Amino acid sequence: MEKRKIVVADDHIQTAINIANFLDFSGFKTFQAYNMNNVVELCKRENPDLLVIDIKMSGIINGDCNIEKELPSQKILFLASENEPKKAKCRNSFGVISKPVDNDILLDRIKRILKI
């Protein structure tokens, strides 16, 4: 069976690396992006099953989801620090996970989103 693909995007490079390494170890194929240009490029090229992205980096403004303009059918799971917004008006959003990320919560949420 082919591994499910996930793009992990955070402008804090070490956060993206840590999450991607955990997801690789958990059986996913991951790609990392550190800016929005890379996110859009990777998602269009790799067609991932899920995008896990820092909410601030994604371009959320007043709760509106600007990333959907570039990636209208992409499933999205947001990551947010304590002082960042916890809601996004995105059709394809599957919620927000708080940072620092609890790996067990992240893995459980991803499995539910991808129905595995």
PDB file of N, CA and C in Angstrom:
ATOM      1  N   MET A   1       0.842  -1.183   0.000  1.00  0.00           N
ATOM      2  CA  MET A   1       0.000   0.000   0.000  1.00  0.00           C
ATOM      3  C   MET A   1       0.886   1.244   0.000  1.00  0.00           C
ATOM      4  N   GLU A   2       0.504   2.202  -0.808  1.00  0.00           N
ATOM      5  CA  GLU A   2       1.281   3.440  -0.908  1.00  0.00           C
ATOM      6  C   GLU A   2       1.114   4.280   0.352  1.00  0.00           C
ATOM      7  N   LYS A   3       2.237   4.874   0.772  1.00  0.00           N
ATOM      8  CA  LYS A   3       2.193   5.734   1.963  1.00  0.00           C
ATOM      9  C   LYS A   3       1.374   6.984   1.681  1.00  0.00           C
ATOM     10  N   ARG A   4       0.624   7.430   2.684  1.00  0.00           N
ATOM     11  CA  ARG A   4      -0.115   8.682   2.578  1.00  0.00           C
ATOM     12  C   ARG A   4       0.871   9.836   2.641  1.00  0.00           C
ATOM     13  N   LYS A   5       0.624  10.857   1.831  1.00  0.00           N
ATOM     14  CA  LYS A   5       1.547  11.994   1.746  1.00  0.00           C
ATOM     15  C   LYS A   5       1.020  13.183   2.550  1.00  0.00           C
ATOM     16  N   ILE A   6       1.942  13.797   3.289  1.00  0.00           N
ATOM     17  CA  ILE A   6       1.617  14.965   4.110  1.00  0.00           C
ATOM     18  C   ILE A   6       2.673  16.037   3.891  1.00  0.00           C
ATOM     19  N   VAL A   7       2.216  17.256   3.617  1.00  0.00           N
ATOM     20  CA  VAL A   7       3.117  18.406   3.586  1.00  0.00           C
ATOM     21  C   VAL A   7       3.054  19.054   4.957  1.00  0.00           C
ATOM     22  N   VAL A   8       4.217  19.237   5.565  1.00  0.00           N
ATOM     23  CA  VAL A   8       4.336  19.907   6.864  1.00  0.00           C
ATOM     24  C   VAL A   8       4.962  21.267   6.600  1.00  0.00           C
ATOM     25  N   ALA A   9       4.244  22.326   6.982  1.00  0.00           N
ATOM     26  CA  ALA A   9       4.702  23.674   6.682  1.00  0.00           C
ATOM     27  C   ALA A   9       4.726  24.542   7.929  1.00  0.00           C
ATOM     28  N   ASP A  10       5.905  25.065   8.214  1.00  0.00           N
ATOM     29  CA  ASP A  10       6.070  25.986   9.343  1.00  0.00           C
ATOM     30  C   ASP A  10       7.295  26.836   9.056  1.00  0.00           C
ATOM     31  N   ASP A  11       7.200  28.124   9.347  1.00  0.00           N
ATOM     32  CA  ASP A  11       8.347  28.989   9.113  1.00  0.00           C
ATOM     33  C   ASP A  11       9.412  28.820  10.189  1.00  0.00           C
ATOM     34  N   HIS A  12       9.096  28.104  11.247  1.00  0.00           N
ATOM     35  CA  HIS A  12      10.110  27.683  12.215  1.00  0.00           C
ATOM     36  C   HIS A  12      10.609  26.324  11.733  1.00  0.00           C
ATOM     37  N   ILE A  13      11.742  26.332  11.087  1.00  0.00           N
ATOM     38  CA  ILE A  13      12.254  25.158  10.394  1.00  0.00           C
ATOM     39  C   ILE A  13      12.346  23.934  11.305  1.00  0.00           C
ATOM     40  N   GLN A  14      12.835  24.113  12.523  1.00  0.00           N
ATOM     41  CA  GLN A  14      12.992  22.964  13.419  1.00  0.00           C
ATOM     42  C   GLN A  14      11.646  22.339  13.772  1.00  0.00           C
ATOM     43  N   THR A  15      10.607  23.148  13.895  1.00  0.00           N
ATOM     44  CA  THR A  15       9.269  22.607  14.162  1.00  0.00           C
ATOM     45  C   THR A  15       8.828  21.724  13.000  1.00  0.00           C
ATOM     46  N   ALA A  16       8.992  22.204  11.782  1.00  0.00           N
ATOM     47  CA  ALA A  16       8.614  21.421  10.604  1.00  0.00           C
ATOM     48  C   ALA A  16       9.421  20.123  10.526  1.00  0.00           C
ATOM     49  N   ILE A  17      10.712  20.203  10.803  1.00  0.00           N
ATOM     50  CA  ILE A  17      11.566  19.008  10.773  1.00  0.00           C
ATOM     51  C   ILE A  17      11.114  17.994  11.818  1.00  0.00           C
ATOM     52  N   ASN A  18      10.867  18.452  13.033  1.00  0.00           N
ATOM     53  CA  ASN A  18      10.457  17.542  14.111  1.00  0.00           C
ATOM     54  C   ASN A  18       9.146  16.834  13.788  1.00  0.00           C
ATOM     55  N   ILE A  19       8.165  17.595  13.310  1.00  0.00           N
ATOM     56  CA  ILE A  19       6.866  17.000  12.980  1.00  0.00           C
ATOM     57  C   ILE A  19       7.014  16.028  11.813  1.00  0.00           C
ATOM     58  N   ALA A  20       7.739  16.429  10.777  1.00  0.00           N
ATOM     59  CA  ALA A  20       7.936  15.561   9.616  1.00  0.00           C
ATOM     60  C   ALA A  20       8.663  14.276  10.004  1.00  0.00           C
ATOM     61  N   ASN A  21       9.686  14.370  10.835  1.00  0.00           N
ATOM     62  CA  ASN A  21      10.406  13.168  11.273  1.00  0.00           C
ATOM     63  C   ASN A  21       9.485  12.211  12.028  1.00  0.00           C
ATOM     64  N   PHE A  22       8.657  12.758  12.904  1.00  0.00           N
ATOM     65  CA  PHE A  22       7.709  11.923  13.648  1.00  0.00           C
ATOM     66  C   PHE A  22       6.726  11.243  12.690  1.00  0.00           C
ATOM     67  N   LEU A  23       6.205  11.998  11.729  1.00  0.00           N
ATOM     68  CA  LEU A  23       5.240  11.428  10.790  1.00  0.00           C
ATOM     69  C   LEU A  23       5.888  10.411   9.860  1.00  0.00           C
ATOM     70  N   ASP A  24       7.130  10.651   9.454  1.00  0.00           N
ATOM     71  CA  ASP A  24       7.867   9.651   8.663  1.00  0.00           C
ATOM     72  C   ASP A  24       7.987   8.350   9.446  1.00  0.00           C
ATOM     73  N   PHE A  25       8.383   8.465  10.711  1.00  0.00           N
ATOM     74  CA  PHE A  25       8.531   7.304  11.587  1.00  0.00           C
ATOM     75  C   PHE A  25       7.191   6.584  11.771  1.00  0.00           C
ATOM     76  N   SER A  26       6.099   7.338  11.695  1.00  0.00           N
ATOM     77  CA  SER A  26       4.751   6.779  11.884  1.00  0.00           C
ATOM     78  C   SER A  26       4.173   6.195  10.593  1.00  0.00           C
ATOM     79  N   GLY A  27       4.947   6.218   9.510  1.00  0.00           N
ATOM     80  CA  GLY A  27       4.530   5.547   8.295  1.00  0.00           C
ATOM     81  C   GLY A  27       4.021   6.425   7.172  1.00  0.00           C
ATOM     82  N   PHE A  28       4.173   7.734   7.292  1.00  0.00           N
ATOM     83  CA  PHE A  28       3.738   8.650   6.243  1.00  0.00           C
ATOM     84  C   PHE A  28       4.931   9.088   5.399  1.00  0.00           C
ATOM     85  N   LYS A  29       4.648   9.574   4.210  1.00  0.00           N
ATOM     86  CA  LYS A  29       5.675  10.199   3.369  1.00  0.00           C
ATOM     87  C   LYS A  29       5.471  11.700   3.522  1.00  0.00           C
ATOM     88  N   THR A  30       6.491  12.395   3.988  1.00  0.00           N
ATOM     89  CA  THR A  30       6.333  13.822   4.259  1.00  0.00           C
ATOM     90  C   THR A  30       7.210  14.681   3.354  1.00  0.00           C
ATOM     91  N   PHE A  31       6.754  15.908   3.211  1.00  0.00           N
ATOM     92  CA  PHE A  31       7.479  16.953   2.501  1.00  0.00           C
ATOM     93  C   PHE A  31       7.434  18.174   3.402  1.00  0.00           C
ATOM     94  N   GLN A  32       8.510  18.937   3.410  1.00  0.00           N
ATOM     95  CA  GLN A  32       8.570  20.108   4.279  1.00  0.00           C
ATOM     96  C   GLN A  32       8.612  21.388   3.464  1.00  0.00           C
ATOM     97  N   ALA A  33       7.948  22.409   4.002  1.00  0.00           N
ATOM     98  CA  ALA A  33       7.961  23.732   3.378  1.00  0.00           C
ATOM     99  C   ALA A  33       8.112  24.766   4.481  1.00  0.00           C
ATOM    100  N   TYR A  34       8.830  25.835   4.159  1.00  0.00           N
ATOM    101  CA  TYR A  34       9.121  26.865   5.164  1.00  0.00           C
ATOM    102  C   TYR A  34       8.596  28.240   4.769  1.00  0.00           C
ATOM    103  N   ASN A  35       7.940  28.329   3.595  1.00  0.00           N
ATOM    104  CA  ASN A  35       7.285  29.578   3.183  1.00  0.00           C
ATOM    105  C   ASN A  35       6.119  29.220   2.264  1.00  0.00           C
ATOM    106  N   MET A  36       5.216  30.178   2.060  1.00  0.00           N
ATOM    107  CA  MET A  36       3.998  29.888   1.302  1.00  0.00           C
ATOM    108  C   MET A  36       4.266  29.522  -0.154  1.00  0.00           C
ATOM    109  N   ASN A  37       5.281  30.086  -0.765  1.00  0.00           N
ATOM    110  CA  ASN A  37       5.588  29.708  -2.152  1.00  0.00           C
ATOM    111  C   ASN A  37       5.906  28.225  -2.244  1.00  0.00           C
ATOM    112  N   ASN A  38       6.702  27.726  -1.292  1.00  0.00           N
ATOM    113  CA  ASN A  38       7.037  26.301  -1.270  1.00  0.00           C
ATOM    114  C   ASN A  38       5.813  25.439  -0.978  1.00  0.00           C
ATOM    115  N   VAL A  39       4.932  25.908  -0.099  1.00  0.00           N
ATOM    116  CA  VAL A  39       3.717  25.159   0.242  1.00  0.00           C
ATOM    117  C   VAL A  39       2.875  24.930  -1.013  1.00  0.00           C
ATOM    118  N   VAL A  40       2.587  25.999  -1.701  1.00  0.00           N
ATOM    119  CA  VAL A  40       1.743  25.910  -2.898  1.00  0.00           C
ATOM    120  C   VAL A  40       2.399  25.025  -3.953  1.00  0.00           C
ATOM    121  N   GLU A  41       3.686  25.240  -4.187  1.00  0.00           N
ATOM    122  CA  GLU A  41       4.426  24.444  -5.173  1.00  0.00           C
ATOM    123  C   GLU A  41       4.396  22.953  -4.823  1.00  0.00           C
ATOM    124  N   LEU A  42       4.702  22.627  -3.563  1.00  0.00           N
ATOM    125  CA  LEU A  42       4.713  21.225  -3.120  1.00  0.00           C
ATOM    126  C   LEU A  42       3.336  20.582  -3.235  1.00  0.00           C
ATOM    127  N   CYS A  43       2.319  21.301  -2.799  1.00  0.00           N
ATOM    128  CA  CYS A  43       0.968  20.742  -2.831  1.00  0.00           C
ATOM    129  C   CYS A  43       0.498  20.498  -4.262  1.00  0.00           C
ATOM    130  N   LYS A  44       0.824  21.407  -5.151  1.00  0.00           N
ATOM    131  CA  LYS A  44       0.427  21.219  -6.546  1.00  0.00           C
ATOM    132  C   LYS A  44       1.202  20.085  -7.205  1.00  0.00           C
ATOM    133  N   ARG A  45       2.469  19.938  -6.854  1.00  0.00           N
ATOM    134  CA  ARG A  45       3.313  18.899  -7.455  1.00  0.00           C
ATOM    135  C   ARG A  45       3.047  17.517  -6.860  1.00  0.00           C
ATOM    136  N   GLU A  46       2.933  17.434  -5.531  1.00  0.00           N
ATOM    137  CA  GLU A  46       2.848  16.138  -4.853  1.00  0.00           C
ATOM    138  C   GLU A  46       1.424  15.673  -4.563  1.00  0.00           C
ATOM    139  N   ASN A  47       0.455  16.592  -4.635  1.00  0.00           N
ATOM    140  CA  ASN A  47      -0.941  16.264  -4.345  1.00  0.00           C
ATOM    141  C   ASN A  47      -1.069  15.482  -3.030  1.00  0.00           C
ATOM    142  N   PRO A  48      -0.678  16.095  -1.912  1.00  0.00           N
ATOM    143  CA  PRO A  48      -0.686  15.381  -0.635  1.00  0.00           C
ATOM    144  C   PRO A  48      -2.107  15.091  -0.143  1.00  0.00           C
ATOM    145  N   ASP A  49      -2.193  14.086   0.708  1.00  0.00           N
ATOM    146  CA  ASP A  49      -3.469  13.752   1.336  1.00  0.00           C
ATOM    147  C   ASP A  49      -3.854  14.798   2.373  1.00  0.00           C
ATOM    148  N   LEU A  50      -2.841  15.486   2.934  1.00  0.00           N
ATOM    149  CA  LEU A  50      -3.095  16.462   3.987  1.00  0.00           C
ATOM    150  C   LEU A  50      -1.975  17.499   4.020  1.00  0.00           C
ATOM    151  N   LEU A  51      -2.365  18.723   4.339  1.00  0.00           N
ATOM    152  CA  LEU A  51      -1.414  19.800   4.591  1.00  0.00           C
ATOM    153  C   LEU A  51      -1.513  20.161   6.062  1.00  0.00           C
ATOM    154  N   VAL A  52      -0.406  20.033   6.787  1.00  0.00           N
ATOM    155  CA  VAL A  52      -0.319  20.450   8.189  1.00  0.00           C
ATOM    156  C   VAL A  52       0.492  21.737   8.184  1.00  0.00           C
ATOM    157  N   ILE A  53      -0.153  22.859   8.558  1.00  0.00           N
ATOM    158  CA  ILE A  53       0.478  24.155   8.374  1.00  0.00           C
ATOM    159  C   ILE A  53       0.255  25.081   9.565  1.00  0.00           C
ATOM    160  N   ASP A  54       1.287  25.855   9.869  1.00  0.00           N
ATOM    161  CA  ASP A  54       1.186  26.893  10.890  1.00  0.00           C
ATOM    162  C   ASP A  54       0.111  27.890  10.472  1.00  0.00           C
ATOM    163  N   ILE A  55      -0.822  28.176  11.353  1.00  0.00           N
ATOM    164  CA  ILE A  55      -1.973  29.016  11.010  1.00  0.00           C
ATOM    165  C   ILE A  55      -1.555  30.434  10.609  1.00  0.00           C
ATOM    166  N   LYS A  56      -0.540  30.950  11.262  1.00  0.00           N
ATOM    167  CA  LYS A  56      -0.067  32.301  10.945  1.00  0.00           C
ATOM    168  C   LYS A  56       0.584  32.329   9.565  1.00  0.00           C
ATOM    169  N   MET A  57       1.353  31.313   9.269  1.00  0.00           N
ATOM    170  CA  MET A  57       2.031  31.217   7.980  1.00  0.00           C
ATOM    171  C   MET A  57       1.042  31.062   6.825  1.00  0.00           C
ATOM    172  N   SER A  58      -0.110  30.476   7.103  1.00  0.00           N
ATOM    173  CA  SER A  58      -1.079  30.169   6.051  1.00  0.00           C
ATOM    174  C   SER A  58      -1.786  31.385   5.477  1.00  0.00           C
ATOM    175  N   GLY A  59      -1.644  32.529   6.126  1.00  0.00           N
ATOM    176  CA  GLY A  59      -2.286  33.730   5.620  1.00  0.00           C
ATOM    177  C   GLY A  59      -3.677  33.957   6.163  1.00  0.00           C
ATOM    178  N   ILE A  60      -3.995  33.348   7.301  1.00  0.00           N
ATOM    179  CA  ILE A  60      -5.299  33.578   7.929  1.00  0.00           C
ATOM    180  C   ILE A  60      -5.354  35.034   8.382  1.00  0.00           C
ATOM    181  N   ILE A  61      -6.362  35.752   7.892  1.00  0.00           N
ATOM    182  CA  ILE A  61      -6.558  37.147   8.280  1.00  0.00           C
ATOM    183  C   ILE A  61      -7.999  37.297   8.747  1.00  0.00           C
ATOM    184  N   ASN A  62      -8.177  37.706   9.997  1.00  0.00           N
ATOM    185  CA  ASN A  62      -9.515  37.849  10.577  1.00  0.00           C
ATOM    186  C   ASN A  62     -10.338  36.576  10.415  1.00  0.00           C
ATOM    187  N   GLY A  63      -9.680  35.433  10.517  1.00  0.00           N
ATOM    188  CA  GLY A  63     -10.366  34.152  10.420  1.00  0.00           C
ATOM    189  C   GLY A  63     -10.614  33.670   9.003  1.00  0.00           C
ATOM    190  N   ASP A  64     -10.396  34.507   7.994  1.00  0.00           N
ATOM    191  CA  ASP A  64     -10.625  34.106   6.608  1.00  0.00           C
ATOM    192  C   ASP A  64      -9.441  33.310   6.070  1.00  0.00           C
ATOM    193  N   CYS A  65      -9.737  32.305   5.316  1.00  0.00           N
ATOM    194  CA  CYS A  65      -8.721  31.363   4.839  1.00  0.00           C
ATOM    195  C   CYS A  65      -8.257  31.716   3.432  1.00  0.00           C
ATOM    196  N   ASN A  66      -7.159  32.440   3.333  1.00  0.00           N
ATOM    197  CA  ASN A  66      -6.632  32.844   2.031  1.00  0.00           C
ATOM    198  C   ASN A  66      -5.951  31.709   1.276  1.00  0.00           C
ATOM    199  N   ILE A  67      -5.498  30.691   1.987  1.00  0.00           N
ATOM    200  CA  ILE A  67      -4.797  29.586   1.336  1.00  0.00           C
ATOM    201  C   ILE A  67      -5.724  28.812   0.395  1.00  0.00           C
ATOM    202  N   GLU A  68      -7.020  28.863   0.654  1.00  0.00           N
ATOM    203  CA  GLU A  68      -7.969  28.150  -0.201  1.00  0.00           C
ATOM    204  C   GLU A  68      -8.009  28.709  -1.626  1.00  0.00           C
ATOM    205  N   LYS A  69      -7.612  29.953  -1.782  1.00  0.00           N
ATOM    206  CA  LYS A  69      -7.579  30.536  -3.130  1.00  0.00           C
ATOM    207  C   LYS A  69      -6.562  29.810  -3.999  1.00  0.00           C
ATOM    208  N   GLU A  70      -5.435  29.442  -3.403  1.00  0.00           N
ATOM    209  CA  GLU A  70      -4.375  28.740  -4.130  1.00  0.00           C
ATOM    210  C   GLU A  70      -4.594  27.232  -4.177  1.00  0.00           C
ATOM    211  N   LEU A  71      -5.173  26.686  -3.110  1.00  0.00           N
ATOM    212  CA  LEU A  71      -5.330  25.235  -2.984  1.00  0.00           C
ATOM    213  C   LEU A  71      -6.772  24.911  -2.570  1.00  0.00           C
ATOM    214  N   PRO A  72      -7.724  25.087  -3.471  1.00  0.00           N
ATOM    215  CA  PRO A  72      -9.136  25.004  -3.093  1.00  0.00           C
ATOM    216  C   PRO A  72      -9.638  23.649  -2.605  1.00  0.00           C
ATOM    217  N   SER A  73      -8.987  22.566  -2.975  1.00  0.00           N
ATOM    218  CA  SER A  73      -9.484  21.252  -2.552  1.00  0.00           C
ATOM    219  C   SER A  73      -8.570  20.546  -1.550  1.00  0.00           C
ATOM    220  N   GLN A  74      -7.558  21.249  -1.054  1.00  0.00           N
ATOM    221  CA  GLN A  74      -6.574  20.657  -0.151  1.00  0.00           C
ATOM    222  C   GLN A  74      -7.124  20.518   1.260  1.00  0.00           C
ATOM    223  N   LYS A  75      -7.036  19.306   1.836  1.00  0.00           N
ATOM    224  CA  LYS A  75      -7.381  19.107   3.246  1.00  0.00           C
ATOM    225  C   LYS A  75      -6.300  19.778   4.087  1.00  0.00           C
ATOM    226  N   ILE A  76      -6.726  20.522   5.130  1.00  0.00           N
ATOM    227  CA  ILE A  76      -5.785  21.311   5.914  1.00  0.00           C
ATOM    228  C   ILE A  76      -6.003  21.069   7.401  1.00  0.00           C
ATOM    229  N   LEU A  77      -4.894  20.873   8.120  1.00  0.00           N
ATOM    230  CA  LEU A  77      -4.889  20.831   9.580  1.00  0.00           C
ATOM    231  C   LEU A  77      -3.939  21.930  10.032  1.00  0.00           C
ATOM    232  N   PHE A  78      -4.450  22.855  10.833  1.00  0.00           N
ATOM    233  CA  PHE A  78      -3.658  23.994  11.261  1.00  0.00           C
ATOM    234  C   PHE A  78      -2.950  23.732  12.581  1.00  0.00           C
ATOM    235  N   LEU A  79      -1.802  24.381  12.751  1.00  0.00           N
ATOM    236  CA  LEU A  79      -1.044  24.395  14.000  1.00  0.00           C
ATOM    237  C   LEU A  79      -1.044  25.832  14.502  1.00  0.00           C
ATOM    238  N   ALA A  80      -1.238  26.023  15.799  1.00  0.00           N
ATOM    239  CA  ALA A  80      -1.283  27.390  16.332  1.00  0.00           C
ATOM    240  C   ALA A  80      -0.624  27.466  17.694  1.00  0.00           C
ATOM    241  N   SER A  81       0.204  28.489  17.865  1.00  0.00           N
ATOM    242  CA  SER A  81       0.793  28.772  19.179  1.00  0.00           C
ATOM    243  C   SER A  81      -0.284  29.365  20.072  1.00  0.00           C
ATOM    244  N   GLU A  82       0.044  29.474  21.329  1.00  0.00           N
ATOM    245  CA  GLU A  82      -0.919  29.929  22.328  1.00  0.00           C
ATOM    246  C   GLU A  82      -1.557  31.276  21.988  1.00  0.00           C
ATOM    247  N   ASN A  83      -0.794  32.210  21.441  1.00  0.00           N
ATOM    248  CA  ASN A  83      -1.297  33.559  21.186  1.00  0.00           C
ATOM    249  C   ASN A  83      -1.848  33.744  19.768  1.00  0.00           C
ATOM    250  N   GLU A  84      -1.960  32.671  18.996  1.00  0.00           N
ATOM    251  CA  GLU A  84      -2.462  32.758  17.633  1.00  0.00           C
ATOM    252  C   GLU A  84      -3.932  32.349  17.577  1.00  0.00           C
ATOM    253  N   PRO A  85      -4.637  32.731  16.497  1.00  0.00           N
ATOM    254  CA  PRO A  85      -6.054  32.380  16.373  1.00  0.00           C
ATOM    255  C   PRO A  85      -6.260  30.873  16.374  1.00  0.00           C
ATOM    256  N   LYS A  86      -7.381  30.444  16.910  1.00  0.00           N
ATOM    257  CA  LYS A  86      -7.678  29.006  16.992  1.00  0.00           C
ATOM    258  C   LYS A  86      -8.803  28.596  16.040  1.00  0.00           C
ATOM    259  N   LYS A  87      -9.243  29.518  15.190  1.00  0.00           N
ATOM    260  CA  LYS A  87     -10.304  29.210  14.236  1.00  0.00           C
ATOM    261  C   LYS A  87      -9.941  29.754  12.866  1.00  0.00           C
ATOM    262  N   ALA A  88     -10.404  29.040  11.852  1.00  0.00           N
ATOM    263  CA  ALA A  88     -10.200  29.484  10.483  1.00  0.00           C
ATOM    264  C   ALA A  88     -11.444  29.137   9.678  1.00  0.00           C
ATOM    265  N   LYS A  89     -11.911  30.069   8.887  1.00  0.00           N
ATOM    266  CA  LYS A  89     -13.094  29.848   8.052  1.00  0.00           C
ATOM    267  C   LYS A  89     -12.652  29.220   6.737  1.00  0.00           C
ATOM    268  N   CYS A  90     -12.316  27.949   6.796  1.00  0.00           N
ATOM    269  CA  CYS A  90     -11.866  27.223   5.615  1.00  0.00           C
ATOM    270  C   CYS A  90     -12.790  26.023   5.398  1.00  0.00           C
ATOM    271  N   ARG A  91     -13.229  25.848   4.181  1.00  0.00           N
ATOM    272  CA  ARG A  91     -14.099  24.705   3.867  1.00  0.00           C
ATOM    273  C   ARG A  91     -13.371  23.386   4.127  1.00  0.00           C
ATOM    274  N   ASN A  92     -12.086  23.360   3.859  1.00  0.00           N
ATOM    275  CA  ASN A  92     -11.329  22.116   3.943  1.00  0.00           C
ATOM    276  C   ASN A  92     -10.478  22.002   5.201  1.00  0.00           C
ATOM    277  N   SER A  93     -10.799  22.821   6.203  1.00  0.00           N
ATOM    278  CA  SER A  93     -10.054  22.781   7.455  1.00  0.00           C
ATOM    279  C   SER A  93     -10.577  21.666   8.347  1.00  0.00           C
ATOM    280  N   PHE A  94      -9.646  20.977   8.972  1.00  0.00           N
ATOM    281  CA  PHE A  94      -9.994  19.926   9.916  1.00  0.00           C
ATOM    282  C   PHE A  94      -9.557  20.314  11.321  1.00  0.00           C
ATOM    283  N   GLY A  95      -9.593  21.614  11.588  1.00  0.00           N
ATOM    284  CA  GLY A  95      -9.336  22.101  12.926  1.00  0.00           C
ATOM    285  C   GLY A  95      -7.927  22.614  13.150  1.00  0.00           C
ATOM    286  N   VAL A  96      -7.654  22.854  14.436  1.00  0.00           N
ATOM    287  CA  VAL A  96      -6.394  23.450  14.869  1.00  0.00           C
ATOM    288  C   VAL A  96      -5.825  22.623  16.011  1.00  0.00           C
ATOM    289  N   ILE A  97      -4.533  22.363  15.946  1.00  0.00           N
ATOM    290  CA  ILE A  97      -3.807  21.703  17.042  1.00  0.00           C
ATOM    291  C   ILE A  97      -2.853  22.723  17.638  1.00  0.00           C
ATOM    292  N   SER A  98      -2.794  22.744  18.963  1.00  0.00           N
ATOM    293  CA  SER A  98      -1.932  23.701  19.657  1.00  0.00           C
ATOM    294  C   SER A  98      -0.470  23.295  19.582  1.00  0.00           C
ATOM    295  N   LYS A  99       0.382  24.322  19.498  1.00  0.00           N
ATOM    296  CA  LYS A  99       1.836  24.125  19.594  1.00  0.00           C
ATOM    297  C   LYS A  99       2.260  24.526  20.996  1.00  0.00           C
ATOM    298  N   PRO A 100       3.232  23.879  21.578  1.00  0.00           N
ATOM    299  CA  PRO A 100       3.990  22.764  21.010  1.00  0.00           C
ATOM    300  C   PRO A 100       3.084  21.549  20.784  1.00  0.00           C
ATOM    301  N   VAL A 101       3.356  20.840  19.711  1.00  0.00           N
ATOM    302  CA  VAL A 101       2.505  19.742  19.268  1.00  0.00           C
ATOM    303  C   VAL A 101       2.720  18.506  20.128  1.00  0.00           C
ATOM    304  N   ASP A 102       1.609  17.935  20.565  1.00  0.00           N
ATOM    305  CA  ASP A 102       1.614  16.636  21.239  1.00  0.00           C
ATOM    306  C   ASP A 102       1.510  15.594  20.124  1.00  0.00           C
ATOM    307  N   ASN A 103       2.544  14.787  19.941  1.00  0.00           N
ATOM    308  CA  ASN A 103       2.589  13.842  18.823  1.00  0.00           C
ATOM    309  C   ASN A 103       1.424  12.860  18.817  1.00  0.00           C
ATOM    310  N   ASP A 104       0.995  12.401  19.999  1.00  0.00           N
ATOM    311  CA  ASP A 104      -0.120  11.455  20.059  1.00  0.00           C
ATOM    312  C   ASP A 104      -1.415  12.097  19.563  1.00  0.00           C
ATOM    313  N   ILE A 105      -1.646  13.343  19.951  1.00  0.00           N
ATOM    314  CA  ILE A 105      -2.840  14.061  19.499  1.00  0.00           C
ATOM    315  C   ILE A 105      -2.767  14.296  17.995  1.00  0.00           C
ATOM    316  N   LEU A 106      -1.603  14.699  17.507  1.00  0.00           N
ATOM    317  CA  LEU A 106      -1.418  14.930  16.080  1.00  0.00           C
ATOM    318  C   LEU A 106      -1.692  13.666  15.277  1.00  0.00           C
ATOM    319  N   LEU A 107      -1.098  12.561  15.686  1.00  0.00           N
ATOM    320  CA  LEU A 107      -1.266  11.303  14.961  1.00  0.00           C
ATOM    321  C   LEU A 107      -2.718  10.847  14.981  1.00  0.00           C
ATOM    322  N   ASP A 108      -3.371  10.968  16.125  1.00  0.00           N
ATOM    323  CA  ASP A 108      -4.776  10.585  16.232  1.00  0.00           C
ATOM    324  C   ASP A 108      -5.635  11.435  15.292  1.00  0.00           C
ATOM    325  N   ARG A 109      -5.402  12.729  15.270  1.00  0.00           N
ATOM    326  CA  ARG A 109      -6.187  13.624  14.414  1.00  0.00           C
ATOM    327  C   ARG A 109      -5.955  13.303  12.936  1.00  0.00           C
ATOM    328  N   ILE A 110      -4.712  13.071  12.564  1.00  0.00           N
ATOM    329  CA  ILE A 110      -4.400  12.750  11.165  1.00  0.00           C
ATOM    330  C   ILE A 110      -5.079  11.444  10.754  1.00  0.00           C
ATOM    331  N   LYS A 111      -5.030  10.451  11.601  1.00  0.00           N
ATOM    332  CA  LYS A 111      -5.680   9.165  11.286  1.00  0.00           C
ATOM    333  C   LYS A 111      -7.179   9.339  11.114  1.00  0.00           C
ATOM    334  N   ARG A 112      -7.793  10.192  11.927  1.00  0.00           N
ATOM    335  CA  ARG A 112      -9.228  10.425  11.779  1.00  0.00           C
ATOM    336  C   ARG A 112      -9.525  11.193  10.484  1.00  0.00           C
ATOM    337  N   ILE A 113      -8.715  12.186  10.158  1.00  0.00           N
ATOM    338  CA  ILE A 113      -8.922  12.965   8.937  1.00  0.00           C
ATOM    339  C   ILE A 113      -8.789  12.086   7.705  1.00  0.00           C
ATOM    340  N   LEU A 114      -7.764  11.240   7.704  1.00  0.00           N
ATOM    341  CA  LEU A 114      -7.491  10.387   6.542  1.00  0.00           C
ATOM    342  C   LEU A 114      -8.235   9.063   6.587  1.00  0.00           C
ATOM    343  N   LYS A 115      -8.991   8.856   7.662  1.00  0.00           N
ATOM    344  CA  LYS A 115      -9.806   7.637   7.830  1.00  0.00           C
ATOM    345  C   LYS A 115      -8.967   6.378   7.737  1.00  0.00           C
ATOM    346  N   ILE A 116      -7.884   6.367   8.550  1.00  0.00           N
ATOM    347  CA  ILE A 116      -7.022   5.175   8.587  1.00  0.00           C
ATOM    348  C   ILE A 116      -6.891   4.676  10.020  1.00  0.00           C
TER     349      ILE A 116
END
